[in-house]
């Protein structure tokens, strides 16, 4: 996916090492903010890639892994699904599973999985597994971080418990409550909503930029908040606090909004 459309640097962006090793051709989203699968197919038929990447850094809707695999099969390509953002929701049953469609699936183990900072590479293909294993070690890495491996085991064990499904559903519910609160406050949500833990907020209705908002606000993670016990009431309140800061920026400008921001922090 094109970086400007929500893709990730490591998916072939020219400034990233992946873009120096491989020739990446990008697809994008349509006017509704949804992955344009017809465009994906057109690009695949034209360029005949050896691998197609289904994944993103800033995309809040369901990814159609089945359609991606159908397109990959048409051109004889591997399908690689990067589900770093969605892994915990997949395990919790509230976001589509890339298996059995993808040949290879990668994820981080933090984010929605709530584990340590790290990653995992998965495949159902025994031959690919052997190639991946040797590519990682001795090809790229050595000296395994055993304390991180242990932490991953703990996180995976938690993800197998029934409570994890409750957590995953709550994350999705809370993200949608936050999105609805921001919409009610006069902001637009790209694609109209969210199917995961995050949402893309269009600040143009308030004539603000993302940079100005970023400097004035703090990071609010729906997985972390949900884990702490935040529910509908808390996320509505968080949404209102965000709107209070943004409306202050509209009224006072970035330089004159310190009192509003201090008041919100105090709350």
Protein backbone atom coordinates (compact mmCIF):
# COMPACT_ATOMS: atom_id res chain seq x y z
CA UNK A 1 0.00 0.00 0.00
CA UNK A 2 1.22 3.48 -0.85
CA UNK A 3 2.74 5.23 2.17
CA UNK A 4 0.55 8.29 1.58
CA UNK A 5 -2.54 6.05 1.61
CA UNK A 6 -1.71 4.39 4.94
CA UNK A 7 1.04 1.92 4.00
CA UNK A 8 4.13 1.12 6.04
CA UNK A 9 7.73 2.21 5.44
CA UNK A 10 8.96 -1.39 5.50
CA UNK A 11 6.70 -2.40 2.61
CA UNK A 12 9.06 -1.11 -0.06
CA UNK A 13 9.25 2.62 0.63
CA UNK A 14 12.34 3.99 -1.17
CA UNK A 15 13.83 5.49 2.01
CA UNK A 16 13.60 2.14 3.80
CA UNK A 17 16.01 -0.77 3.26
CA UNK A 18 13.12 -2.82 1.85
CA UNK A 19 12.80 -0.27 -0.95
CA UNK A 20 16.50 -0.55 -1.72
CA UNK A 21 16.48 -4.35 -1.86
CA UNK A 22 13.22 -4.74 -3.79
CA UNK A 23 11.32 -2.96 -6.55
CA UNK A 24 7.96 -2.16 -4.94
CA UNK A 25 4.91 -0.97 -6.83
CA UNK A 26 2.14 0.45 -4.65
CA UNK A 27 -1.64 0.31 -4.64
CA UNK A 28 -3.96 2.71 -2.85
CA UNK A 29 -7.37 3.48 -1.40
CA UNK A 30 -10.49 4.72 -3.18
CA UNK A 31 -12.44 7.93 -2.59
CA UNK A 32 -14.16 6.31 0.40
CA UNK A 33 -10.89 5.45 2.13
CA UNK A 34 -11.16 1.70 1.37
CA UNK A 35 -8.44 -0.39 -0.30
CA UNK A 36 -9.21 -0.34 -4.02
CA UNK A 37 -9.08 -4.07 -4.75
CA UNK A 38 -9.73 -3.53 -8.46
CA UNK A 39 -6.65 -1.31 -8.52
CA UNK A 40 -4.70 -4.02 -6.68
CA UNK A 41 -5.68 -6.53 -9.35
CA UNK A 42 -4.89 -4.16 -12.21
CA UNK A 43 -1.45 -3.42 -10.78
CA UNK A 44 -0.77 -7.11 -10.18
CA UNK A 45 -1.77 -8.08 -13.73
CA UNK A 46 0.40 -5.30 -15.16
CA UNK A 47 3.55 -5.80 -13.07
CA UNK A 48 3.39 -9.55 -12.26
CA UNK A 49 4.99 -9.24 -8.80
CA UNK A 50 6.66 -12.17 -7.04
CA UNK A 51 5.00 -11.14 -3.78
CA UNK A 52 1.95 -9.08 -2.81
CA UNK A 53 1.81 -7.42 0.62
CA UNK A 54 -1.54 -7.08 2.38
CA UNK A 55 -1.07 -4.83 5.37
CA UNK A 56 -0.82 -1.23 6.49
CA UNK A 57 0.33 1.20 9.13
CA UNK A 58 -2.68 3.51 9.11
CA UNK A 59 -5.72 1.62 7.83
CA UNK A 60 -8.74 1.13 10.07
CA UNK A 61 -10.95 -1.12 7.95
CA UNK A 62 -11.11 -4.87 7.31
CA UNK A 63 -8.54 -6.17 4.82
CA UNK A 64 -9.97 -8.63 2.31
CA UNK A 65 -7.30 -11.34 2.58
CA UNK A 66 -9.36 -13.76 0.48
CA UNK A 67 -9.48 -11.37 -2.49
CA UNK A 68 -5.78 -10.61 -2.08
CA UNK A 69 -5.02 -14.36 -2.34
CA UNK A 70 -7.19 -14.73 -5.42
CA UNK A 71 -5.23 -11.91 -7.07
CA UNK A 72 -1.91 -13.39 -5.95
CA UNK A 73 -2.85 -16.77 -7.43
CA UNK A 74 -3.69 -15.14 -10.76
CA UNK A 75 -0.11 -13.89 -11.14
CA UNK A 76 1.68 -16.69 -9.30
CA UNK A 77 2.75 -14.47 -6.41
CA UNK A 78 3.23 -15.15 -2.73
CA UNK A 79 0.77 -13.37 -0.45
CA UNK A 80 2.43 -11.80 2.57
CA UNK A 81 0.09 -10.43 5.27
CA UNK A 82 1.49 -7.94 7.78
CA UNK A 83 -1.00 -7.88 10.67
CA UNK A 84 1.16 -6.06 13.24
CA UNK A 85 -1.66 -3.72 14.21
CA UNK A 86 -4.47 -6.25 14.09
CA UNK A 87 -2.95 -9.43 15.58
CA UNK A 88 -4.60 -9.20 18.98
CA UNK A 89 -7.98 -8.53 17.39
CA UNK A 90 -7.50 -11.51 15.07
CA UNK A 91 -6.71 -13.79 18.00
CA UNK A 92 -9.74 -12.35 19.80
CA UNK A 93 -12.00 -13.16 16.86
CA UNK A 94 -13.08 -9.62 15.96
CA UNK A 95 -10.90 -9.11 12.86
CA UNK A 96 -10.48 -11.46 9.85
CA UNK A 97 -7.79 -14.16 10.07
CA UNK A 98 -5.25 -13.98 7.21
CA UNK A 99 -4.86 -17.77 7.34
CA UNK A 100 -5.49 -19.84 5.24
CA UNK A 101 -5.20 -17.18 2.53
CA UNK A 102 -1.70 -15.82 3.17
CA UNK A 103 1.47 -17.78 2.49
CA UNK A 104 3.34 -15.77 5.15
CA UNK A 105 2.03 -13.73 8.07
CA UNK A 106 4.11 -11.36 10.17
CA UNK A 107 3.21 -9.41 13.27
CA UNK A 108 4.68 -7.44 16.09
CA UNK A 109 4.04 -8.91 19.52
CA UNK A 110 3.29 -5.60 21.21
CA UNK A 111 0.36 -3.40 20.07
CA UNK A 112 -2.97 -5.25 20.36
CA UNK A 113 -1.29 -8.54 21.37
CA UNK A 114 -0.08 -6.78 24.56
CA UNK A 115 3.25 -8.59 24.60
CA UNK A 116 6.86 -7.40 24.64
CA UNK A 117 8.36 -5.37 21.82
CA UNK A 118 9.26 -7.93 19.21
CA UNK A 119 7.85 -9.85 16.27
CA UNK A 120 6.78 -13.19 14.82
CA UNK A 121 6.85 -14.76 11.35
CA UNK A 122 4.32 -17.50 10.58
CA UNK A 123 3.60 -19.82 7.67
CA UNK A 124 1.68 -23.02 6.98
CA UNK A 125 4.21 -24.03 4.32
CA UNK A 126 6.99 -26.30 5.62
CA UNK A 127 9.39 -25.44 2.79
CA UNK A 128 8.89 -21.71 3.35
CA UNK A 129 9.39 -22.21 7.08
CA UNK A 130 12.82 -23.74 6.48
CA UNK A 131 13.83 -20.87 4.19
CA UNK A 132 12.58 -18.27 6.67
CA UNK A 133 14.36 -19.91 9.57
CA UNK A 134 17.71 -19.98 7.79
CA UNK A 135 17.20 -16.43 6.50
CA UNK A 136 16.72 -15.18 10.06
CA UNK A 137 19.46 -17.32 11.60
CA UNK A 138 22.22 -17.37 10.59
CA UNK A 139 21.25 -15.01 7.76
CA UNK A 140 20.28 -11.89 9.66
CA UNK A 141 20.38 -12.46 13.40
CA UNK A 142 22.22 -14.22 16.19
CA UNK A 143 22.05 -14.23 19.97
CA UNK A 144 18.34 -14.75 20.72
CA UNK A 145 16.83 -12.52 23.39
CA UNK A 146 15.61 -15.26 25.70
CA UNK A 147 13.94 -12.90 28.16
CA UNK A 148 11.84 -11.50 25.29
CA UNK A 149 11.02 -15.02 24.10
CA UNK A 150 9.76 -15.81 27.60
CA UNK A 151 7.66 -12.65 27.63
CA UNK A 152 6.18 -13.60 24.26
CA UNK A 153 5.21 -16.99 25.67
CA UNK A 154 3.40 -15.28 28.53
CA UNK A 155 1.57 -12.96 26.10
CA UNK A 156 0.58 -15.87 23.84
CA UNK A 157 -0.66 -17.77 26.89
CA UNK A 158 -2.83 -14.82 27.89
CA UNK A 159 -4.16 -14.56 24.34
CA UNK A 160 -5.39 -18.18 24.56
CA UNK A 161 -7.59 -17.45 27.58
CA UNK A 162 -11.33 -16.69 27.20
CA UNK A 163 -10.83 -13.26 28.75
CA UNK A 164 -8.75 -12.21 25.75
CA UNK A 165 -11.80 -12.42 23.47
CA UNK A 166 -13.65 -10.13 25.87
CA UNK A 167 -10.71 -7.72 25.77
CA UNK A 168 -10.56 -7.77 21.93
CA UNK A 169 -14.28 -7.06 21.55
CA UNK A 170 -14.03 -4.26 24.11
CA UNK A 171 -11.11 -2.67 22.23
CA UNK A 172 -13.18 -2.59 19.04
CA UNK A 173 -16.28 -1.29 20.85
CA UNK A 174 -14.25 1.41 22.59
CA UNK A 175 -12.55 2.50 19.37
CA UNK A 176 -15.94 2.89 17.71
CA UNK A 177 -17.25 4.89 20.68
CA UNK A 178 -14.26 7.22 20.44
CA UNK A 179 -14.73 7.60 16.69
CA UNK A 180 -18.44 8.35 17.11
CA UNK A 181 -17.67 10.94 19.80
CA UNK A 182 -15.19 12.71 17.56
CA UNK A 183 -17.65 12.65 14.66
CA UNK A 184 -20.36 14.13 16.87
CA UNK A 185 -17.90 16.90 17.74
CA UNK A 186 -17.55 17.97 14.12
CA UNK A 187 -14.64 15.90 12.87
CA UNK A 188 -14.62 13.46 9.95
CA UNK A 189 -13.45 9.88 10.30
CA UNK A 190 -11.69 8.59 7.17
CA UNK A 191 -13.80 5.79 5.59
CA UNK A 192 -16.64 6.70 7.96
CA UNK A 193 -15.61 4.54 10.91
CA UNK A 194 -13.32 1.77 12.11
CA UNK A 195 -13.11 -2.03 12.20
CA UNK A 196 -10.13 -2.18 14.55
CA UNK A 197 -8.46 -0.39 17.47
CA UNK A 198 -7.57 2.79 15.61
CA UNK A 199 -9.23 5.44 13.48
CA UNK A 200 -7.99 8.08 11.06
CA UNK A 201 -9.32 11.53 11.93
CA UNK A 202 -9.73 14.21 9.28
CA UNK A 203 -9.12 17.55 10.99
CA UNK A 204 -9.94 19.68 7.97
CA UNK A 205 -13.52 20.44 9.12
CA UNK A 206 -11.91 22.44 11.95
CA UNK A 207 -9.22 23.83 9.62
CA UNK A 208 -6.45 22.20 11.69
CA UNK A 209 -3.42 20.16 10.68
CA UNK A 210 -2.28 16.86 12.12
CA UNK A 211 1.02 18.41 13.19
CA UNK A 212 -0.65 21.10 15.29
CA UNK A 213 -3.01 18.56 16.89
CA UNK A 214 -0.15 16.14 17.56
CA UNK A 215 1.80 18.78 19.48
CA UNK A 216 -1.24 19.73 21.57
CA UNK A 217 -2.51 16.23 22.38
CA UNK A 218 -1.15 13.04 23.95
CA UNK A 219 -1.23 9.45 22.70
CA UNK A 220 -4.39 7.56 23.68
CA UNK A 221 -4.17 3.82 22.97
CA UNK A 222 -7.48 1.96 22.95
CA UNK A 223 -5.80 -1.41 23.78
CA UNK A 224 -3.94 0.06 26.77
CA UNK A 225 -6.97 1.98 27.99
CA UNK A 226 -9.21 -1.06 27.62
CA UNK A 227 -6.70 -3.18 29.55
CA UNK A 228 -6.88 -0.61 32.36
CA UNK A 229 -10.64 -1.02 32.47
CA UNK A 230 -11.77 1.98 30.42
CA UNK A 231 -15.23 1.46 28.95
CA UNK A 232 -17.83 3.48 27.05
CA UNK A 233 -18.04 6.32 29.58
CA UNK A 234 -14.28 6.79 29.76
CA UNK A 235 -13.79 6.78 26.00
CA UNK A 236 -16.62 9.26 25.51
CA UNK A 237 -14.91 11.49 28.06
CA UNK A 238 -11.55 11.08 26.32
CA UNK A 239 -13.19 12.03 23.03
CA UNK A 240 -14.69 15.14 24.62
CA UNK A 241 -11.30 16.12 26.08
CA UNK A 242 -9.70 15.76 22.64
CA UNK A 243 -12.41 17.96 21.16
CA UNK A 244 -11.92 20.52 23.92
CA UNK A 245 -8.24 20.84 23.02
CA UNK A 246 -8.94 20.99 19.29
CA UNK A 247 -11.69 23.59 19.69
CA UNK A 248 -9.28 25.58 21.84
CA UNK A 249 -6.75 25.48 19.01
CA UNK A 250 -9.41 26.79 16.63
CA UNK A 251 -10.34 29.63 18.99
CA UNK A 252 -6.92 30.52 20.38
CA UNK A 253 -4.32 29.23 17.96
CA UNK A 254 -1.43 26.96 18.91
CA UNK A 255 0.42 29.70 20.79
CA UNK A 256 -2.57 30.77 22.88
CA UNK A 257 -4.03 27.41 23.85
CA UNK A 258 -1.91 26.62 26.90
CA UNK A 259 -4.71 27.29 29.44
CA UNK A 260 -7.08 24.91 27.67
CA UNK A 261 -4.42 22.21 27.43
CA UNK A 262 -3.49 22.63 31.10
CA UNK A 263 -7.14 22.39 32.09
CA UNK A 264 -7.57 19.17 30.13
CA UNK A 265 -4.41 17.68 31.64
CA UNK A 266 -5.72 18.51 35.11
CA UNK A 267 -8.89 16.57 34.40
